[in-house]
Amino acid sequence: MSAQDHDVVQSAAFASQSAFRALMDAMARPGEVNILEGTGAPAPMAPATAALVRSLADYETPIWLDATFAAAPAVTEWIRFHTGAPIVTAPGDAAFALIADPRALPDFTAFAQGSEEYPDRSTTAIIQIERFAGPALVLKGPGIKTILAFAAEPLPDDFSRRLRDNRELFPRGIDLVFVAGRQIAALPRSVRVVEN
C-alpha cells in the first residue's frame, strides 16, 4: 500500500469514526443540534446523511429509501458502492430508512419496531429536513436535564402524535435522526412530548 493509499484509508476511517461519534452524542442529548461534516454524495442526499450511511451501514444492513431517494438511481448506486448495503422495498425490513421528503414520512408503524427481547432490531429513520426551526415541541426524557424545545421543518402535521405513540411502545419503537445541511439532531424512542 502506498503512502497516498494509506492516507485515503486513514482519512475514511477517521470520517467514519467522527460520524459515529456525532450520532452517539446526538442520541445521548436528544433534540440538541450537533455539527457533522459530511462527505460528497449524489443529490438529493445531504453530505451529513452520506456520512452517517457510510459510518453505519454495511452488507448486512438493509436500507429502505423513500420515493424521492428511490427515484434517484445515483443514490442507490452510491450506497451499494460505498457500503454494500442491500436496498429493501418494505420499510419494515429496514435497519435504516432514508427520508428525503419528511412531509411524506410513512407512519412509524410501517417500520420495524423491535421486540421486548430485541428492541435494537427496530428501524432508525434518517430524515432530511430544511432547517431546525418552526413550531416547537417540548420534550422530556433521558438525556434532557429538565425540558427541551425541539423544532424542525417540514414535518408531518401529526408528528407530535406519532412521537407520543412511539414512546408508548418503549423499549420498542423507532429512533429518529434529523439532518439539515451539516447539522444533525436525534430523537430516540425514549423521548416524551410534554406539549406542542
N, C-alpha and C. Protein backbone atom coordinates (compact mmCIF):
# COMPACT_ATOMS: atom_id res chain seq x y z
N MET A 1 0.85 -1.19 0.00
CA MET A 1 0.00 0.00 0.00
C MET A 1 0.89 1.24 0.00
N SER A 2 0.62 2.14 -0.92
CA SER A 2 1.41 3.37 -1.00
C SER A 2 1.03 4.30 0.15
N ALA A 3 1.87 5.30 0.37
CA ALA A 3 1.59 6.28 1.43
C ALA A 3 0.30 7.02 1.13
N GLN A 4 0.05 7.31 -0.15
CA GLN A 4 -1.17 8.02 -0.52
C GLN A 4 -2.41 7.16 -0.25
N ASP A 5 -2.34 5.86 -0.61
CA ASP A 5 -3.46 4.95 -0.33
C ASP A 5 -3.70 4.83 1.17
N HIS A 6 -2.61 4.76 1.93
CA HIS A 6 -2.73 4.67 3.39
C HIS A 6 -3.44 5.90 3.94
N ASP A 7 -3.08 7.08 3.43
CA ASP A 7 -3.72 8.32 3.88
C ASP A 7 -5.21 8.33 3.55
N VAL A 8 -5.58 7.81 2.39
CA VAL A 8 -7.00 7.76 1.99
C VAL A 8 -7.78 6.84 2.93
N VAL A 9 -7.22 5.66 3.22
CA VAL A 9 -7.87 4.71 4.12
C VAL A 9 -7.99 5.30 5.52
N GLN A 10 -6.92 5.93 5.99
CA GLN A 10 -6.93 6.53 7.31
C GLN A 10 -7.95 7.67 7.39
N SER A 11 -8.03 8.47 6.34
CA SER A 11 -9.00 9.57 6.30
C SER A 11 -10.43 9.05 6.32
N ALA A 12 -10.71 7.98 5.57
CA ALA A 12 -12.05 7.39 5.55
C ALA A 12 -12.41 6.83 6.92
N ALA A 13 -11.46 6.19 7.58
CA ALA A 13 -11.70 5.64 8.90
C ALA A 13 -11.98 6.74 9.91
N PHE A 14 -11.21 7.83 9.82
CA PHE A 14 -11.43 8.96 10.72
C PHE A 14 -12.82 9.57 10.49
N ALA A 15 -13.22 9.74 9.24
CA ALA A 15 -14.53 10.31 8.92
C ALA A 15 -15.64 9.42 9.46
N SER A 16 -15.49 8.11 9.33
CA SER A 16 -16.49 7.18 9.83
C SER A 16 -16.61 7.26 11.35
N GLN A 17 -15.48 7.32 12.03
CA GLN A 17 -15.49 7.43 13.49
C GLN A 17 -16.10 8.75 13.93
N SER A 18 -15.80 9.82 13.20
CA SER A 18 -16.34 11.13 13.53
C SER A 18 -17.86 11.15 13.39
N ALA A 19 -18.38 10.54 12.31
CA ALA A 19 -19.83 10.48 12.10
C ALA A 19 -20.50 9.65 13.18
N PHE A 20 -19.89 8.53 13.54
CA PHE A 20 -20.46 7.67 14.58
C PHE A 20 -20.50 8.41 15.92
N ARG A 21 -19.41 9.12 16.24
CA ARG A 21 -19.36 9.89 17.49
C ARG A 21 -20.42 10.98 17.51
N ALA A 22 -20.60 11.67 16.37
CA ALA A 22 -21.61 12.73 16.31
C ALA A 22 -23.00 12.16 16.53
N LEU A 23 -23.26 10.98 15.96
CA LEU A 23 -24.57 10.35 16.15
C LEU A 23 -24.77 9.93 17.60
N MET A 24 -23.76 9.33 18.22
CA MET A 24 -23.88 8.92 19.62
C MET A 24 -24.12 10.12 20.53
N ASP A 25 -23.42 11.23 20.25
CA ASP A 25 -23.65 12.46 21.02
C ASP A 25 -25.08 12.94 20.85
N ALA A 26 -25.59 12.88 19.61
CA ALA A 26 -26.95 13.33 19.34
C ALA A 26 -27.97 12.45 20.05
N MET A 27 -27.74 11.15 20.09
CA MET A 27 -28.66 10.23 20.78
C MET A 27 -28.61 10.43 22.29
N ALA A 28 -27.43 10.74 22.81
CA ALA A 28 -27.27 10.93 24.26
C ALA A 28 -27.89 12.24 24.74
N ARG A 29 -28.02 13.20 23.82
CA ARG A 29 -28.59 14.51 24.16
C ARG A 29 -29.73 14.82 23.19
N PRO A 30 -30.87 14.17 23.39
CA PRO A 30 -31.97 14.29 22.43
C PRO A 30 -32.35 15.74 22.15
N GLY A 31 -32.58 16.02 20.87
CA GLY A 31 -33.05 17.33 20.46
C GLY A 31 -31.98 18.39 20.31
N GLU A 32 -30.78 18.14 20.82
CA GLU A 32 -29.70 19.12 20.69
C GLU A 32 -29.06 18.98 19.31
N VAL A 33 -28.80 20.10 18.68
CA VAL A 33 -28.26 20.11 17.33
C VAL A 33 -26.74 20.04 17.38
N ASN A 34 -26.17 19.10 16.62
CA ASN A 34 -24.73 18.91 16.52
C ASN A 34 -24.28 19.16 15.08
N ILE A 35 -23.01 19.41 14.91
CA ILE A 35 -22.43 19.59 13.58
C ILE A 35 -21.78 18.29 13.14
N LEU A 36 -22.04 17.90 11.89
CA LEU A 36 -21.40 16.73 11.31
C LEU A 36 -20.91 17.12 9.92
N GLU A 37 -19.59 17.16 9.78
CA GLU A 37 -19.02 17.43 8.46
C GLU A 37 -19.34 16.26 7.56
N GLY A 38 -19.92 16.55 6.42
CA GLY A 38 -20.36 15.49 5.53
C GLY A 38 -19.33 15.08 4.51
N THR A 39 -19.80 14.24 3.61
CA THR A 39 -18.97 13.74 2.53
C THR A 39 -19.74 13.88 1.23
N GLY A 40 -19.04 13.87 0.13
CA GLY A 40 -19.70 14.02 -1.17
C GLY A 40 -20.70 12.91 -1.42
N ALA A 41 -21.84 13.27 -1.96
CA ALA A 41 -22.90 12.30 -2.24
C ALA A 41 -23.79 12.85 -3.34
N PRO A 42 -24.47 11.96 -4.06
CA PRO A 42 -25.37 12.42 -5.13
C PRO A 42 -26.65 13.03 -4.56
N ALA A 43 -27.18 14.03 -5.25
CA ALA A 43 -28.45 14.63 -4.84
C ALA A 43 -29.54 13.57 -4.98
N PRO A 44 -30.54 13.60 -4.10
CA PRO A 44 -30.80 14.60 -3.06
C PRO A 44 -30.21 14.27 -1.69
N MET A 45 -29.22 13.39 -1.64
CA MET A 45 -28.63 13.00 -0.36
C MET A 45 -27.73 14.11 0.16
N ALA A 46 -28.02 14.56 1.38
CA ALA A 46 -27.21 15.59 2.02
C ALA A 46 -25.86 14.99 2.43
N PRO A 47 -24.81 15.79 2.44
CA PRO A 47 -23.50 15.28 2.84
C PRO A 47 -23.49 14.63 4.23
N ALA A 48 -24.21 15.21 5.20
CA ALA A 48 -24.24 14.62 6.54
C ALA A 48 -24.97 13.28 6.53
N THR A 49 -26.01 13.15 5.70
CA THR A 49 -26.70 11.87 5.56
C THR A 49 -25.73 10.83 5.00
N ALA A 50 -24.96 11.23 4.00
CA ALA A 50 -23.98 10.33 3.40
C ALA A 50 -22.95 9.89 4.44
N ALA A 51 -22.49 10.81 5.27
CA ALA A 51 -21.51 10.47 6.30
C ALA A 51 -22.09 9.44 7.28
N LEU A 52 -23.34 9.62 7.66
CA LEU A 52 -23.98 8.66 8.57
C LEU A 52 -24.10 7.29 7.92
N VAL A 53 -24.54 7.26 6.66
CA VAL A 53 -24.71 5.98 5.97
C VAL A 53 -23.38 5.25 5.85
N ARG A 54 -22.34 5.97 5.48
CA ARG A 54 -21.02 5.34 5.34
C ARG A 54 -20.52 4.80 6.67
N SER A 55 -20.88 5.47 7.76
CA SER A 55 -20.42 5.05 9.07
C SER A 55 -21.22 3.87 9.62
N LEU A 56 -22.52 3.82 9.32
CA LEU A 56 -23.42 2.87 9.98
C LEU A 56 -23.74 1.62 9.17
N ALA A 57 -23.64 1.70 7.86
CA ALA A 57 -24.14 0.61 7.02
C ALA A 57 -23.03 -0.27 6.48
N ASP A 58 -23.37 -1.54 6.29
CA ASP A 58 -22.50 -2.48 5.59
C ASP A 58 -23.39 -3.50 4.87
N TYR A 59 -22.78 -4.57 4.38
CA TYR A 59 -23.53 -5.51 3.55
C TYR A 59 -24.63 -6.26 4.31
N GLU A 60 -24.64 -6.16 5.65
CA GLU A 60 -25.68 -6.80 6.45
C GLU A 60 -26.71 -5.81 6.96
N THR A 61 -26.70 -4.59 6.43
CA THR A 61 -27.56 -3.52 6.93
C THR A 61 -28.60 -3.13 5.87
N PRO A 62 -29.81 -3.69 5.93
CA PRO A 62 -30.81 -3.33 4.93
C PRO A 62 -31.27 -1.88 5.07
N ILE A 63 -31.35 -1.20 3.94
CA ILE A 63 -31.74 0.21 3.91
C ILE A 63 -32.99 0.36 3.04
N TRP A 64 -33.94 1.14 3.52
CA TRP A 64 -35.14 1.48 2.75
C TRP A 64 -35.05 2.94 2.34
N LEU A 65 -35.41 3.22 1.09
CA LEU A 65 -35.39 4.59 0.56
C LEU A 65 -36.81 5.06 0.32
N ASP A 66 -37.12 6.30 0.72
CA ASP A 66 -38.44 6.84 0.40
C ASP A 66 -38.51 7.11 -1.11
N ALA A 67 -39.68 7.52 -1.59
CA ALA A 67 -39.89 7.66 -3.04
C ALA A 67 -38.92 8.64 -3.67
N THR A 68 -38.58 9.71 -2.96
CA THR A 68 -37.67 10.71 -3.51
C THR A 68 -36.26 10.14 -3.69
N PHE A 69 -35.75 9.45 -2.67
CA PHE A 69 -34.45 8.81 -2.80
C PHE A 69 -34.48 7.69 -3.83
N ALA A 70 -35.54 6.89 -3.81
CA ALA A 70 -35.64 5.75 -4.73
C ALA A 70 -35.68 6.19 -6.19
N ALA A 71 -36.16 7.41 -6.43
CA ALA A 71 -36.24 7.92 -7.80
C ALA A 71 -34.90 8.44 -8.32
N ALA A 72 -33.88 8.38 -7.48
CA ALA A 72 -32.53 8.85 -7.87
C ALA A 72 -31.60 7.64 -7.91
N PRO A 73 -31.44 7.01 -9.09
CA PRO A 73 -30.59 5.82 -9.18
C PRO A 73 -29.17 6.03 -8.67
N ALA A 74 -28.67 7.25 -8.77
CA ALA A 74 -27.31 7.52 -8.31
C ALA A 74 -27.18 7.30 -6.80
N VAL A 75 -28.27 7.53 -6.06
CA VAL A 75 -28.24 7.30 -4.61
C VAL A 75 -28.08 5.82 -4.31
N THR A 76 -28.88 5.00 -4.97
CA THR A 76 -28.78 3.55 -4.78
C THR A 76 -27.39 3.05 -5.15
N GLU A 77 -26.86 3.52 -6.26
CA GLU A 77 -25.52 3.11 -6.69
C GLU A 77 -24.47 3.54 -5.67
N TRP A 78 -24.60 4.76 -5.16
CA TRP A 78 -23.65 5.27 -4.18
C TRP A 78 -23.67 4.41 -2.93
N ILE A 79 -24.86 4.09 -2.42
CA ILE A 79 -24.98 3.28 -1.21
C ILE A 79 -24.35 1.91 -1.43
N ARG A 80 -24.67 1.28 -2.55
CA ARG A 80 -24.13 -0.05 -2.82
C ARG A 80 -22.61 -0.02 -2.96
N PHE A 81 -22.08 1.00 -3.63
CA PHE A 81 -20.63 1.09 -3.85
C PHE A 81 -19.90 1.32 -2.54
N HIS A 82 -20.40 2.26 -1.71
CA HIS A 82 -19.67 2.65 -0.51
C HIS A 82 -19.92 1.75 0.69
N THR A 83 -21.05 1.03 0.73
CA THR A 83 -21.38 0.23 1.91
C THR A 83 -21.69 -1.22 1.61
N GLY A 84 -22.14 -1.52 0.39
CA GLY A 84 -22.59 -2.87 0.08
C GLY A 84 -23.95 -3.20 0.66
N ALA A 85 -24.60 -2.22 1.28
CA ALA A 85 -25.88 -2.46 1.95
C ALA A 85 -26.97 -2.80 0.94
N PRO A 86 -27.81 -3.80 1.25
CA PRO A 86 -28.93 -4.11 0.37
C PRO A 86 -30.04 -3.06 0.51
N ILE A 87 -30.66 -2.73 -0.61
CA ILE A 87 -31.80 -1.82 -0.61
C ILE A 87 -33.06 -2.68 -0.58
N VAL A 88 -33.93 -2.45 0.41
CA VAL A 88 -35.15 -3.24 0.56
C VAL A 88 -36.36 -2.42 0.12
N THR A 89 -37.42 -3.12 -0.28
CA THR A 89 -38.61 -2.43 -0.78
C THR A 89 -39.66 -2.21 0.30
N ALA A 90 -39.56 -2.92 1.42
CA ALA A 90 -40.54 -2.78 2.51
C ALA A 90 -39.88 -2.06 3.68
N PRO A 91 -40.48 -0.97 4.17
CA PRO A 91 -39.86 -0.24 5.28
C PRO A 91 -39.69 -1.10 6.53
N GLY A 92 -40.57 -2.07 6.73
CA GLY A 92 -40.47 -2.93 7.90
C GLY A 92 -39.28 -3.86 7.90
N ASP A 93 -38.61 -3.99 6.74
CA ASP A 93 -37.43 -4.85 6.64
C ASP A 93 -36.13 -4.09 6.84
N ALA A 94 -36.21 -2.78 7.07
CA ALA A 94 -35.01 -1.94 7.07
C ALA A 94 -34.43 -1.72 8.46
N ALA A 95 -33.11 -1.74 8.53
CA ALA A 95 -32.41 -1.29 9.73
C ALA A 95 -32.36 0.23 9.75
N PHE A 96 -32.20 0.81 8.54
CA PHE A 96 -32.19 2.27 8.39
C PHE A 96 -33.15 2.66 7.27
N ALA A 97 -33.89 3.72 7.49
CA ALA A 97 -34.76 4.28 6.46
C ALA A 97 -34.26 5.68 6.15
N LEU A 98 -34.08 5.98 4.86
CA LEU A 98 -33.62 7.31 4.45
C LEU A 98 -34.81 8.07 3.88
N ILE A 99 -35.08 9.21 4.47
CA ILE A 99 -36.25 10.01 4.11
C ILE A 99 -35.79 11.35 3.57
N ALA A 100 -36.06 11.60 2.29
CA ALA A 100 -35.72 12.89 1.68
C ALA A 100 -36.89 13.85 1.73
N ASP A 101 -38.11 13.32 1.80
CA ASP A 101 -39.32 14.15 1.84
C ASP A 101 -40.04 13.92 3.16
N PRO A 102 -39.74 14.72 4.19
CA PRO A 102 -40.33 14.48 5.51
C PRO A 102 -41.85 14.64 5.54
N ARG A 103 -42.40 15.41 4.60
CA ARG A 103 -43.86 15.56 4.56
C ARG A 103 -44.55 14.24 4.24
N ALA A 104 -43.83 13.36 3.53
CA ALA A 104 -44.39 12.06 3.14
C ALA A 104 -43.84 10.93 4.01
N LEU A 105 -43.34 11.26 5.18
CA LEU A 105 -42.80 10.26 6.10
C LEU A 105 -43.88 9.23 6.43
N PRO A 106 -43.61 7.95 6.15
CA PRO A 106 -44.62 6.93 6.49
C PRO A 106 -44.91 6.92 7.98
N ASP A 107 -46.08 6.40 8.33
CA ASP A 107 -46.39 6.24 9.75
C ASP A 107 -45.32 5.36 10.39
N PHE A 108 -44.96 5.65 11.63
CA PHE A 108 -43.88 4.93 12.28
C PHE A 108 -44.14 3.43 12.35
N THR A 109 -45.41 3.04 12.39
CA THR A 109 -45.74 1.61 12.49
C THR A 109 -45.37 0.84 11.23
N ALA A 110 -45.06 1.54 10.13
CA ALA A 110 -44.64 0.87 8.90
C ALA A 110 -43.22 0.31 9.04
N PHE A 111 -42.47 0.80 10.02
CA PHE A 111 -41.09 0.39 10.20
C PHE A 111 -40.97 -0.71 11.26
N ALA A 112 -39.84 -1.39 11.25
CA ALA A 112 -39.58 -2.42 12.26
C ALA A 112 -39.57 -1.77 13.64
N GLN A 113 -40.31 -2.37 14.57
CA GLN A 113 -40.44 -1.80 15.92
C GLN A 113 -39.55 -2.48 16.95
N GLY A 114 -38.86 -3.56 16.55
CA GLY A 114 -38.10 -4.34 17.52
C GLY A 114 -39.06 -5.17 18.35
N SER A 115 -38.52 -5.87 19.32
CA SER A 115 -39.34 -6.70 20.21
C SER A 115 -38.92 -6.41 21.64
N GLU A 116 -39.69 -6.94 22.60
CA GLU A 116 -39.32 -6.75 24.00
C GLU A 116 -37.94 -7.34 24.28
N GLU A 117 -37.66 -8.50 23.66
CA GLU A 117 -36.36 -9.15 23.87
C GLU A 117 -35.25 -8.47 23.08
N TYR A 118 -35.57 -7.99 21.87
CA TYR A 118 -34.57 -7.38 20.99
C TYR A 118 -35.06 -6.02 20.48
N PRO A 119 -35.12 -5.03 21.36
CA PRO A 119 -35.60 -3.71 20.91
C PRO A 119 -34.68 -3.05 19.90
N ASP A 120 -33.41 -3.50 19.85
CA ASP A 120 -32.46 -2.92 18.91
C ASP A 120 -32.71 -3.36 17.47
N ARG A 121 -33.64 -4.26 17.26
CA ARG A 121 -33.96 -4.71 15.90
C ARG A 121 -35.03 -3.84 15.26
N SER A 122 -35.06 -2.61 15.65
CA SER A 122 -36.01 -1.65 15.08
C SER A 122 -35.32 -0.80 14.02
N THR A 123 -36.10 -0.02 13.31
CA THR A 123 -35.57 0.86 12.28
C THR A 123 -35.14 2.19 12.88
N THR A 124 -34.04 2.71 12.38
CA THR A 124 -33.65 4.10 12.65
C THR A 124 -33.92 4.89 11.37
N ALA A 125 -34.74 5.93 11.49
CA ALA A 125 -35.08 6.76 10.34
C ALA A 125 -34.16 7.98 10.30
N ILE A 126 -33.49 8.18 9.18
CA ILE A 126 -32.65 9.37 8.96
C ILE A 126 -33.46 10.28 8.05
N ILE A 127 -33.87 11.42 8.59
CA ILE A 127 -34.85 12.29 7.94
C ILE A 127 -34.19 13.62 7.58
N GLN A 128 -34.15 13.91 6.30
CA GLN A 128 -33.61 15.21 5.86
C GLN A 128 -34.70 16.27 5.96
N ILE A 129 -34.35 17.37 6.60
CA ILE A 129 -35.27 18.49 6.76
C ILE A 129 -34.61 19.74 6.19
N GLU A 130 -35.38 20.82 6.12
CA GLU A 130 -34.83 22.08 5.62
C GLU A 130 -34.07 22.84 6.69
N ARG A 131 -34.61 22.82 7.92
CA ARG A 131 -33.98 23.61 8.98
C ARG A 131 -34.50 23.16 10.35
N PHE A 132 -33.71 23.47 11.37
CA PHE A 132 -34.13 23.27 12.75
C PHE A 132 -34.79 24.57 13.21
N ALA A 133 -36.04 24.72 12.85
CA ALA A 133 -36.82 25.92 13.18
C ALA A 133 -38.29 25.56 13.05
N GLY A 134 -39.15 26.52 13.39
CA GLY A 134 -40.58 26.30 13.26
C GLY A 134 -41.25 26.09 14.60
N PRO A 135 -42.50 25.65 14.58
CA PRO A 135 -43.21 25.38 15.84
C PRO A 135 -42.47 24.32 16.65
N ALA A 136 -42.33 24.58 17.95
CA ALA A 136 -41.52 23.69 18.78
C ALA A 136 -42.37 22.69 19.54
N LEU A 137 -41.80 21.52 19.73
CA LEU A 137 -42.33 20.51 20.64
C LEU A 137 -41.52 20.59 21.93
N VAL A 138 -42.17 20.48 23.06
CA VAL A 138 -41.47 20.46 24.34
C VAL A 138 -41.30 19.00 24.74
N LEU A 139 -40.05 18.61 24.97
CA LEU A 139 -39.71 17.21 25.21
C LEU A 139 -39.10 17.01 26.58
N LYS A 140 -39.29 15.80 27.11
CA LYS A 140 -38.63 15.35 28.34
C LYS A 140 -38.10 13.96 28.07
N GLY A 141 -37.21 13.52 28.94
CA GLY A 141 -36.73 12.15 28.83
C GLY A 141 -35.26 12.04 29.17
N PRO A 142 -34.72 10.82 29.12
CA PRO A 142 -33.30 10.60 29.40
C PRO A 142 -32.42 11.46 28.49
N GLY A 143 -31.42 12.10 29.09
CA GLY A 143 -30.51 12.95 28.33
C GLY A 143 -30.95 14.41 28.26
N ILE A 144 -32.17 14.70 28.76
CA ILE A 144 -32.68 16.07 28.78
C ILE A 144 -32.77 16.49 30.25
N LYS A 145 -32.07 17.56 30.62
CA LYS A 145 -31.98 17.95 32.03
C LYS A 145 -33.35 18.24 32.64
N THR A 146 -34.11 19.11 32.02
CA THR A 146 -35.46 19.41 32.52
C THR A 146 -36.44 19.20 31.37
N ILE A 147 -36.55 20.22 30.53
CA ILE A 147 -37.34 20.10 29.30
C ILE A 147 -36.53 20.72 28.17
N LEU A 148 -36.91 20.40 26.93
CA LEU A 148 -36.19 20.93 25.78
C LEU A 148 -37.19 21.24 24.68
N ALA A 149 -37.05 22.41 24.06
CA ALA A 149 -37.88 22.77 22.91
C ALA A 149 -37.16 22.31 21.65
N PHE A 150 -37.83 21.49 20.87
CA PHE A 150 -37.26 20.97 19.63
C PHE A 150 -38.11 21.42 18.46
N ALA A 151 -37.47 21.99 17.45
CA ALA A 151 -38.18 22.45 16.26
C ALA A 151 -37.46 21.97 15.02
N ALA A 152 -38.22 21.46 14.07
CA ALA A 152 -37.68 21.04 12.78
C ALA A 152 -38.78 21.21 11.75
N GLU A 153 -38.39 21.61 10.55
CA GLU A 153 -39.40 21.71 9.49
C GLU A 153 -38.78 21.42 8.14
N PRO A 154 -39.62 20.86 7.26
CA PRO A 154 -41.03 20.49 7.46
C PRO A 154 -41.16 19.12 8.12
N LEU A 155 -42.30 18.91 8.77
CA LEU A 155 -42.64 17.63 9.37
C LEU A 155 -44.11 17.34 9.09
N PRO A 156 -44.54 16.09 9.18
CA PRO A 156 -45.97 15.80 9.02
C PRO A 156 -46.79 16.52 10.09
N ASP A 157 -48.03 16.85 9.76
CA ASP A 157 -48.90 17.56 10.70
C ASP A 157 -49.13 16.80 11.99
N ASP A 158 -49.12 15.48 11.91
CA ASP A 158 -49.40 14.66 13.10
C ASP A 158 -48.13 14.16 13.78
N PHE A 159 -47.03 14.88 13.61
CA PHE A 159 -45.74 14.41 14.12
C PHE A 159 -45.75 14.24 15.64
N SER A 160 -46.35 15.17 16.38
CA SER A 160 -46.34 15.04 17.84
C SER A 160 -47.12 13.81 18.28
N ARG A 161 -48.22 13.49 17.60
CA ARG A 161 -48.97 12.26 17.92
C ARG A 161 -48.10 11.04 17.66
N ARG A 162 -47.38 11.05 16.54
CA ARG A 162 -46.51 9.92 16.22
C ARG A 162 -45.44 9.71 17.30
N LEU A 163 -44.86 10.82 17.78
CA LEU A 163 -43.86 10.70 18.84
C LEU A 163 -44.47 10.13 20.11
N ARG A 164 -45.67 10.58 20.46
CA ARG A 164 -46.33 10.05 21.66
C ARG A 164 -46.60 8.56 21.52
N ASP A 165 -47.13 8.16 20.37
CA ASP A 165 -47.42 6.74 20.13
C ASP A 165 -46.13 5.92 20.16
N ASN A 166 -45.06 6.46 19.61
CA ASN A 166 -43.77 5.77 19.59
C ASN A 166 -43.27 5.56 21.01
N ARG A 167 -43.42 6.58 21.86
CA ARG A 167 -42.96 6.49 23.25
C ARG A 167 -43.74 5.43 24.02
N GLU A 168 -45.01 5.26 23.68
CA GLU A 168 -45.84 4.26 24.36
C GLU A 168 -45.33 2.84 24.13
N LEU A 169 -44.60 2.62 23.05
CA LEU A 169 -44.09 1.29 22.72
C LEU A 169 -42.79 0.94 23.45
N PHE A 170 -42.17 1.93 24.10
CA PHE A 170 -40.85 1.76 24.70
C PHE A 170 -40.79 0.51 25.57
N PRO A 171 -39.76 -0.34 25.46
CA PRO A 171 -38.47 -0.13 24.78
C PRO A 171 -38.51 -0.39 23.27
N ARG A 172 -39.66 -0.79 22.75
CA ARG A 172 -39.76 -0.93 21.31
C ARG A 172 -39.95 0.47 20.70
N GLY A 173 -40.10 0.53 19.37
CA GLY A 173 -40.28 1.81 18.70
C GLY A 173 -39.06 2.15 17.85
N ILE A 174 -39.18 3.24 17.11
CA ILE A 174 -38.09 3.63 16.21
C ILE A 174 -37.35 4.85 16.76
N ASP A 175 -36.11 5.01 16.30
CA ASP A 175 -35.31 6.19 16.63
C ASP A 175 -35.26 7.09 15.40
N LEU A 176 -35.20 8.39 15.64
CA LEU A 176 -35.21 9.37 14.56
C LEU A 176 -33.94 10.20 14.59
N VAL A 177 -33.34 10.38 13.41
CA VAL A 177 -32.18 11.25 13.26
C VAL A 177 -32.54 12.26 12.18
N PHE A 178 -32.36 13.54 12.48
CA PHE A 178 -32.68 14.61 11.55
C PHE A 178 -31.40 15.23 11.01
N VAL A 179 -31.42 15.53 9.73
CA VAL A 179 -30.27 16.14 9.06
C VAL A 179 -30.72 17.41 8.35
N ALA A 180 -30.03 18.51 8.61
CA ALA A 180 -30.26 19.77 7.89
C ALA A 180 -28.90 20.34 7.54
N GLY A 181 -28.47 20.12 6.31
CA GLY A 181 -27.14 20.58 5.92
C GLY A 181 -26.07 19.84 6.68
N ARG A 182 -25.27 20.59 7.47
CA ARG A 182 -24.21 20.00 8.28
C ARG A 182 -24.67 19.75 9.71
N GLN A 183 -25.95 19.96 9.99
CA GLN A 183 -26.47 19.80 11.34
C GLN A 183 -27.24 18.50 11.48
N ILE A 184 -27.10 17.87 12.64
CA ILE A 184 -27.90 16.68 12.94
C ILE A 184 -28.45 16.80 14.36
N ALA A 185 -29.58 16.16 14.58
CA ALA A 185 -30.17 16.03 15.91
C ALA A 185 -30.92 14.72 15.94
N ALA A 186 -31.07 14.15 17.11
CA ALA A 186 -31.74 12.85 17.22
C ALA A 186 -32.86 12.91 18.25
N LEU A 187 -33.89 12.13 17.98
CA LEU A 187 -34.97 11.90 18.94
C LEU A 187 -35.09 10.39 19.12
N PRO A 188 -34.42 9.84 20.12
CA PRO A 188 -34.58 8.42 20.38
C PRO A 188 -35.99 8.11 20.88
N ARG A 189 -36.34 6.85 20.85
CA ARG A 189 -37.69 6.42 21.23
C ARG A 189 -38.03 6.73 22.69
N SER A 190 -37.02 7.05 23.50
CA SER A 190 -37.23 7.32 24.92
C SER A 190 -37.78 8.72 25.20
N VAL A 191 -37.80 9.63 24.20
CA VAL A 191 -38.27 10.99 24.48
C VAL A 191 -39.78 11.02 24.61
N ARG A 192 -40.25 11.97 25.42
CA ARG A 192 -41.67 12.11 25.67
C ARG A 192 -42.09 13.54 25.33
N VAL A 193 -43.18 13.68 24.60
CA VAL A 193 -43.70 15.01 24.26
C VAL A 193 -44.50 15.52 25.46
N VAL A 194 -44.13 16.71 25.96
CA VAL A 194 -44.85 17.32 27.06
C VAL A 194 -45.98 18.17 26.54
N GLU A 195 -45.67 18.98 25.50
CA GLU A 195 -46.70 19.81 24.87
C GLU A 195 -46.24 20.22 23.49
N ASN A 196 -47.18 20.65 22.64
CA ASN A 196 -46.85 21.16 21.31
C ASN A 196 -46.42 22.60 21.43
